[in-house]
Amino acid sequence: MAKKSKEELKKSIDESIEDVDKKIAMLEDIEDSMDNTKETVEKSLFDELESKYNDLTTKYSDLQNKYKERFFSNDAPESKPEVTGDNIDSIGLQEVNYIDIKEI
């Protein structure tokens, strides 16, 4: 027995059943059954997308918490290098002499 499409089933019932009421009932059953598969596919797609959404929402929430912790943590800030005459060139600073006008 070959697998038939929805249209082929409807045509087969239309040709083989003479009673109009039975024919209509069978055609309605086929139509409802075929539409049910569409709902099943849509439901599985919805479940998959909902799962991905929940995963992304969780990751977003984790990132927000990490970002907040970065600013509210009690860790001491990194110490800045001390500027002395010996290490001025090594930290990229240049010594500049200015003359104050009041001294003139």
N, C-alpha and C. Protein backbone atom coordinates (compact mmCIF):
# COMPACT_ATOMS: atom_id res chain seq x y z
N MET A 1 0.85 -1.17 0.00
CA MET A 1 0.00 0.00 0.00
C MET A 1 0.90 1.24 0.00
N ALA A 2 0.66 2.12 -0.91
CA ALA A 2 1.48 3.33 -1.06
C ALA A 2 0.95 4.43 -0.15
N LYS A 3 1.85 5.28 0.21
CA LYS A 3 1.50 6.43 1.02
C LYS A 3 0.85 7.48 0.11
N LYS A 4 -0.31 7.98 0.53
CA LYS A 4 -1.05 8.93 -0.29
C LYS A 4 -1.03 10.31 0.35
N SER A 5 -1.10 11.29 -0.51
CA SER A 5 -1.16 12.67 -0.02
C SER A 5 -2.59 12.98 0.43
N LYS A 6 -2.74 14.10 1.04
CA LYS A 6 -4.06 14.53 1.53
C LYS A 6 -5.06 14.65 0.38
N GLU A 7 -4.63 15.25 -0.71
CA GLU A 7 -5.51 15.42 -1.86
C GLU A 7 -5.90 14.08 -2.49
N GLU A 8 -4.94 13.15 -2.55
CA GLU A 8 -5.23 11.83 -3.11
C GLU A 8 -6.24 11.09 -2.24
N LEU A 9 -6.12 11.18 -0.93
CA LEU A 9 -7.08 10.54 -0.02
C LEU A 9 -8.48 11.14 -0.19
N LYS A 10 -8.54 12.44 -0.28
CA LYS A 10 -9.83 13.09 -0.44
C LYS A 10 -10.49 12.68 -1.76
N LYS A 11 -9.70 12.59 -2.81
CA LYS A 11 -10.23 12.20 -4.12
C LYS A 11 -10.71 10.75 -4.08
N SER A 12 -9.92 9.88 -3.43
CA SER A 12 -10.29 8.46 -3.32
C SER A 12 -11.60 8.30 -2.56
N ILE A 13 -11.79 9.02 -1.48
CA ILE A 13 -13.03 8.93 -0.72
C ILE A 13 -14.19 9.48 -1.53
N ASP A 14 -13.96 10.57 -2.21
CA ASP A 14 -15.01 11.18 -3.03
C ASP A 14 -15.50 10.21 -4.10
N GLU A 15 -14.57 9.44 -4.68
CA GLU A 15 -14.94 8.50 -5.75
C GLU A 15 -15.55 7.21 -5.21
N SER A 16 -15.13 6.76 -4.03
CA SER A 16 -15.56 5.44 -3.56
C SER A 16 -16.81 5.45 -2.67
N ILE A 17 -17.09 6.50 -1.98
CA ILE A 17 -18.24 6.54 -1.06
C ILE A 17 -19.38 7.29 -1.73
N GLU A 18 -20.55 6.63 -1.72
CA GLU A 18 -21.71 7.22 -2.38
C GLU A 18 -22.56 8.05 -1.41
N ASP A 19 -22.61 7.64 -0.16
CA ASP A 19 -23.41 8.34 0.83
C ASP A 19 -22.77 9.70 1.13
N VAL A 20 -23.51 10.77 0.89
CA VAL A 20 -23.00 12.13 1.01
C VAL A 20 -22.62 12.44 2.46
N ASP A 21 -23.42 12.02 3.42
CA ASP A 21 -23.12 12.31 4.84
C ASP A 21 -21.83 11.62 5.28
N LYS A 22 -21.67 10.34 4.88
CA LYS A 22 -20.44 9.61 5.22
C LYS A 22 -19.23 10.25 4.53
N LYS A 23 -19.44 10.65 3.28
CA LYS A 23 -18.36 11.27 2.51
C LYS A 23 -17.89 12.55 3.20
N ILE A 24 -18.81 13.38 3.62
CA ILE A 24 -18.48 14.64 4.29
C ILE A 24 -17.78 14.36 5.63
N ALA A 25 -18.27 13.38 6.37
CA ALA A 25 -17.65 13.04 7.65
C ALA A 25 -16.22 12.56 7.46
N MET A 26 -16.01 11.71 6.45
CA MET A 26 -14.66 11.20 6.18
C MET A 26 -13.72 12.33 5.72
N LEU A 27 -14.22 13.20 4.86
CA LEU A 27 -13.39 14.31 4.39
C LEU A 27 -13.02 15.26 5.54
N GLU A 28 -13.98 15.48 6.46
CA GLU A 28 -13.69 16.33 7.63
C GLU A 28 -12.63 15.68 8.52
N ASP A 29 -12.75 14.34 8.69
CA ASP A 29 -11.76 13.63 9.51
C ASP A 29 -10.36 13.72 8.91
N ILE A 30 -10.28 13.57 7.61
CA ILE A 30 -8.98 13.65 6.94
C ILE A 30 -8.42 15.06 7.07
N GLU A 31 -9.25 16.03 6.85
CA GLU A 31 -8.81 17.43 6.95
C GLU A 31 -8.30 17.74 8.36
N ASP A 32 -9.05 17.32 9.37
CA ASP A 32 -8.64 17.56 10.75
C ASP A 32 -7.36 16.81 11.11
N SER A 33 -7.24 15.59 10.63
CA SER A 33 -6.05 14.78 10.92
C SER A 33 -4.80 15.38 10.29
N MET A 34 -4.93 15.85 9.06
CA MET A 34 -3.78 16.44 8.39
C MET A 34 -3.39 17.78 9.02
N ASP A 35 -4.35 18.54 9.49
CA ASP A 35 -4.05 19.80 10.15
C ASP A 35 -3.38 19.56 11.51
N ASN A 36 -3.69 18.44 12.15
CA ASN A 36 -3.12 18.10 13.44
C ASN A 36 -1.60 17.93 13.33
N THR A 37 -1.14 17.37 12.22
CA THR A 37 0.31 17.20 12.05
C THR A 37 1.00 18.56 11.98
N LYS A 38 0.33 19.51 11.36
CA LYS A 38 0.89 20.86 11.28
C LYS A 38 1.02 21.45 12.69
N GLU A 39 0.02 21.25 13.53
CA GLU A 39 0.06 21.75 14.90
C GLU A 39 1.17 21.08 15.70
N THR A 40 1.38 19.79 15.45
CA THR A 40 2.44 19.06 16.15
C THR A 40 3.81 19.62 15.78
N VAL A 41 4.02 19.88 14.50
CA VAL A 41 5.29 20.46 14.05
C VAL A 41 5.47 21.84 14.64
N GLU A 42 4.43 22.65 14.63
CA GLU A 42 4.52 23.99 15.19
C GLU A 42 4.79 23.94 16.69
N LYS A 43 4.19 22.99 17.39
CA LYS A 43 4.39 22.84 18.83
C LYS A 43 5.84 22.47 19.13
N SER A 44 6.41 21.53 18.35
CA SER A 44 7.80 21.14 18.58
C SER A 44 8.76 22.29 18.26
N LEU A 45 8.46 23.05 17.22
CA LEU A 45 9.27 24.22 16.88
C LEU A 45 9.18 25.27 17.99
N PHE A 46 7.98 25.48 18.51
CA PHE A 46 7.78 26.42 19.61
C PHE A 46 8.57 26.00 20.84
N ASP A 47 8.51 24.70 21.16
CA ASP A 47 9.24 24.20 22.33
C ASP A 47 10.74 24.40 22.16
N GLU A 48 11.25 24.16 20.95
CA GLU A 48 12.67 24.34 20.68
C GLU A 48 13.08 25.80 20.83
N LEU A 49 12.27 26.70 20.26
CA LEU A 49 12.58 28.13 20.36
C LEU A 49 12.45 28.64 21.80
N GLU A 50 11.49 28.10 22.53
CA GLU A 50 11.32 28.50 23.93
C GLU A 50 12.54 28.07 24.75
N SER A 51 13.05 26.89 24.47
CA SER A 51 14.23 26.40 25.17
C SER A 51 15.44 27.29 24.89
N LYS A 52 15.64 27.66 23.63
CA LYS A 52 16.74 28.54 23.27
C LYS A 52 16.58 29.91 23.93
N TYR A 53 15.35 30.41 23.95
CA TYR A 53 15.08 31.70 24.59
C TYR A 53 15.43 31.66 26.07
N ASN A 54 15.03 30.59 26.74
CA ASN A 54 15.32 30.46 28.17
C ASN A 54 16.83 30.37 28.42
N ASP A 55 17.56 29.66 27.57
CA ASP A 55 19.01 29.58 27.70
C ASP A 55 19.65 30.96 27.55
N LEU A 56 19.22 31.71 26.53
CA LEU A 56 19.78 33.04 26.30
C LEU A 56 19.41 34.01 27.44
N THR A 57 18.22 33.88 27.96
CA THR A 57 17.81 34.72 29.08
C THR A 57 18.67 34.45 30.30
N THR A 58 18.97 33.18 30.54
CA THR A 58 19.82 32.80 31.67
C THR A 58 21.23 33.35 31.48
N LYS A 59 21.78 33.22 30.28
CA LYS A 59 23.12 33.75 30.00
C LYS A 59 23.15 35.26 30.17
N TYR A 60 22.11 35.95 29.70
CA TYR A 60 22.03 37.41 29.82
C TYR A 60 21.99 37.81 31.29
N SER A 61 21.22 37.10 32.08
CA SER A 61 21.13 37.39 33.50
C SER A 61 22.48 37.18 34.19
N ASP A 62 23.19 36.11 33.82
CA ASP A 62 24.52 35.86 34.38
C ASP A 62 25.49 36.98 34.03
N LEU A 63 25.44 37.44 32.79
CA LEU A 63 26.31 38.54 32.38
C LEU A 63 26.00 39.82 33.14
N GLN A 64 24.71 40.08 33.36
CA GLN A 64 24.34 41.27 34.13
C GLN A 64 24.90 41.19 35.55
N ASN A 65 24.78 40.02 36.15
CA ASN A 65 25.28 39.85 37.52
C ASN A 65 26.79 40.01 37.58
N LYS A 66 27.50 39.46 36.62
CA LYS A 66 28.96 39.61 36.59
C LYS A 66 29.35 41.08 36.42
N TYR A 67 28.61 41.78 35.59
CA TYR A 67 28.90 43.20 35.36
C TYR A 67 28.67 44.01 36.64
N LYS A 68 27.58 43.72 37.35
CA LYS A 68 27.31 44.41 38.61
C LYS A 68 28.38 44.11 39.64
N GLU A 69 28.79 42.85 39.73
CA GLU A 69 29.80 42.45 40.69
C GLU A 69 31.13 43.16 40.42
N ARG A 70 31.38 43.44 39.19
CA ARG A 70 32.61 44.13 38.82
C ARG A 70 32.70 45.49 39.50
N PHE A 71 31.58 46.17 39.64
CA PHE A 71 31.57 47.50 40.22
C PHE A 71 31.30 47.51 41.72
N PHE A 72 30.64 46.51 42.22
CA PHE A 72 30.29 46.49 43.63
C PHE A 72 31.17 45.55 44.46
N SER A 73 32.18 44.99 43.86
CA SER A 73 33.04 44.08 44.62
C SER A 73 33.93 44.89 45.57
N ASN A 74 34.38 44.26 46.63
CA ASN A 74 35.20 44.93 47.65
C ASN A 74 36.69 44.82 47.35
N ASP A 75 37.04 44.34 46.19
CA ASP A 75 38.44 44.21 45.83
C ASP A 75 39.07 45.60 45.70
N ALA A 76 40.32 45.69 46.12
CA ALA A 76 41.03 46.96 46.01
C ALA A 76 41.39 47.19 44.55
N PRO A 77 41.34 48.44 44.10
CA PRO A 77 41.71 48.70 42.71
C PRO A 77 43.18 48.39 42.48
N GLU A 78 43.51 48.15 41.23
CA GLU A 78 44.89 47.85 40.90
C GLU A 78 45.77 49.03 41.28
N SER A 79 46.95 48.74 41.83
CA SER A 79 47.85 49.82 42.21
C SER A 79 48.51 50.39 40.95
N LYS A 80 48.62 51.69 40.94
CA LYS A 80 49.24 52.37 39.80
C LYS A 80 50.74 52.43 40.05
N PRO A 81 51.53 52.36 39.00
CA PRO A 81 52.98 52.42 39.21
C PRO A 81 53.39 53.79 39.75
N GLU A 82 54.34 53.76 40.66
CA GLU A 82 54.82 55.00 41.25
C GLU A 82 55.75 55.70 40.27
N VAL A 83 55.54 56.99 40.13
CA VAL A 83 56.35 57.76 39.18
C VAL A 83 57.55 58.32 39.91
N THR A 84 58.72 57.90 39.46
CA THR A 84 59.98 58.45 39.98
C THR A 84 60.86 58.79 38.79
N GLY A 85 61.95 59.43 39.06
CA GLY A 85 62.87 59.82 37.98
C GLY A 85 63.44 58.62 37.25
N ASP A 86 63.57 57.49 37.92
CA ASP A 86 64.18 56.31 37.31
C ASP A 86 63.25 55.60 36.32
N ASN A 87 61.97 55.59 36.60
CA ASN A 87 61.07 54.82 35.74
C ASN A 87 60.15 55.66 34.87
N ILE A 88 60.42 56.92 34.69
CA ILE A 88 59.58 57.80 33.87
C ILE A 88 59.52 57.31 32.43
N ASP A 89 60.66 56.97 31.88
CA ASP A 89 60.68 56.49 30.49
C ASP A 89 60.01 55.12 30.35
N SER A 90 60.14 54.29 31.34
CA SER A 90 59.59 52.92 31.24
C SER A 90 58.06 52.91 31.28
N ILE A 91 57.43 53.89 31.92
CA ILE A 91 55.96 53.90 31.94
C ILE A 91 55.38 54.86 30.91
N GLY A 92 56.23 55.45 30.07
CA GLY A 92 55.75 56.24 28.95
C GLY A 92 55.46 57.69 29.27
N LEU A 93 55.99 58.21 30.35
CA LEU A 93 55.78 59.62 30.67
C LEU A 93 57.01 60.43 30.29
N GLN A 94 56.78 61.66 29.96
CA GLN A 94 57.89 62.54 29.58
C GLN A 94 57.91 63.72 30.54
N GLU A 95 59.09 64.06 31.01
CA GLU A 95 59.22 65.16 31.95
C GLU A 95 59.22 66.48 31.17
N VAL A 96 58.37 67.42 31.60
CA VAL A 96 58.27 68.71 30.93
C VAL A 96 58.44 69.79 31.98
N ASN A 97 59.25 70.79 31.67
CA ASN A 97 59.47 71.92 32.59
C ASN A 97 58.63 73.10 32.13
N TYR A 98 57.89 73.67 33.06
CA TYR A 98 57.09 74.85 32.78
C TYR A 98 57.62 76.00 33.63
N ILE A 99 57.51 77.21 33.10
CA ILE A 99 57.91 78.40 33.85
C ILE A 99 56.65 79.14 34.25
N ASP A 100 56.54 79.40 35.52
CA ASP A 100 55.38 80.12 36.05
C ASP A 100 55.58 81.61 35.81
N ILE A 101 54.59 82.29 35.28
CA ILE A 101 54.69 83.72 34.97
C ILE A 101 54.93 84.52 36.23
N LYS A 102 54.45 84.13 37.36
CA LYS A 102 54.59 84.86 38.61
C LYS A 102 56.06 84.88 39.05
N GLU A 103 56.84 83.90 38.61
CA GLU A 103 58.24 83.85 39.00
C GLU A 103 59.09 84.87 38.23
N ILE A 104 58.61 85.36 37.15
CA ILE A 104 59.38 86.30 36.32
C ILE A 104 59.38 87.67 36.88
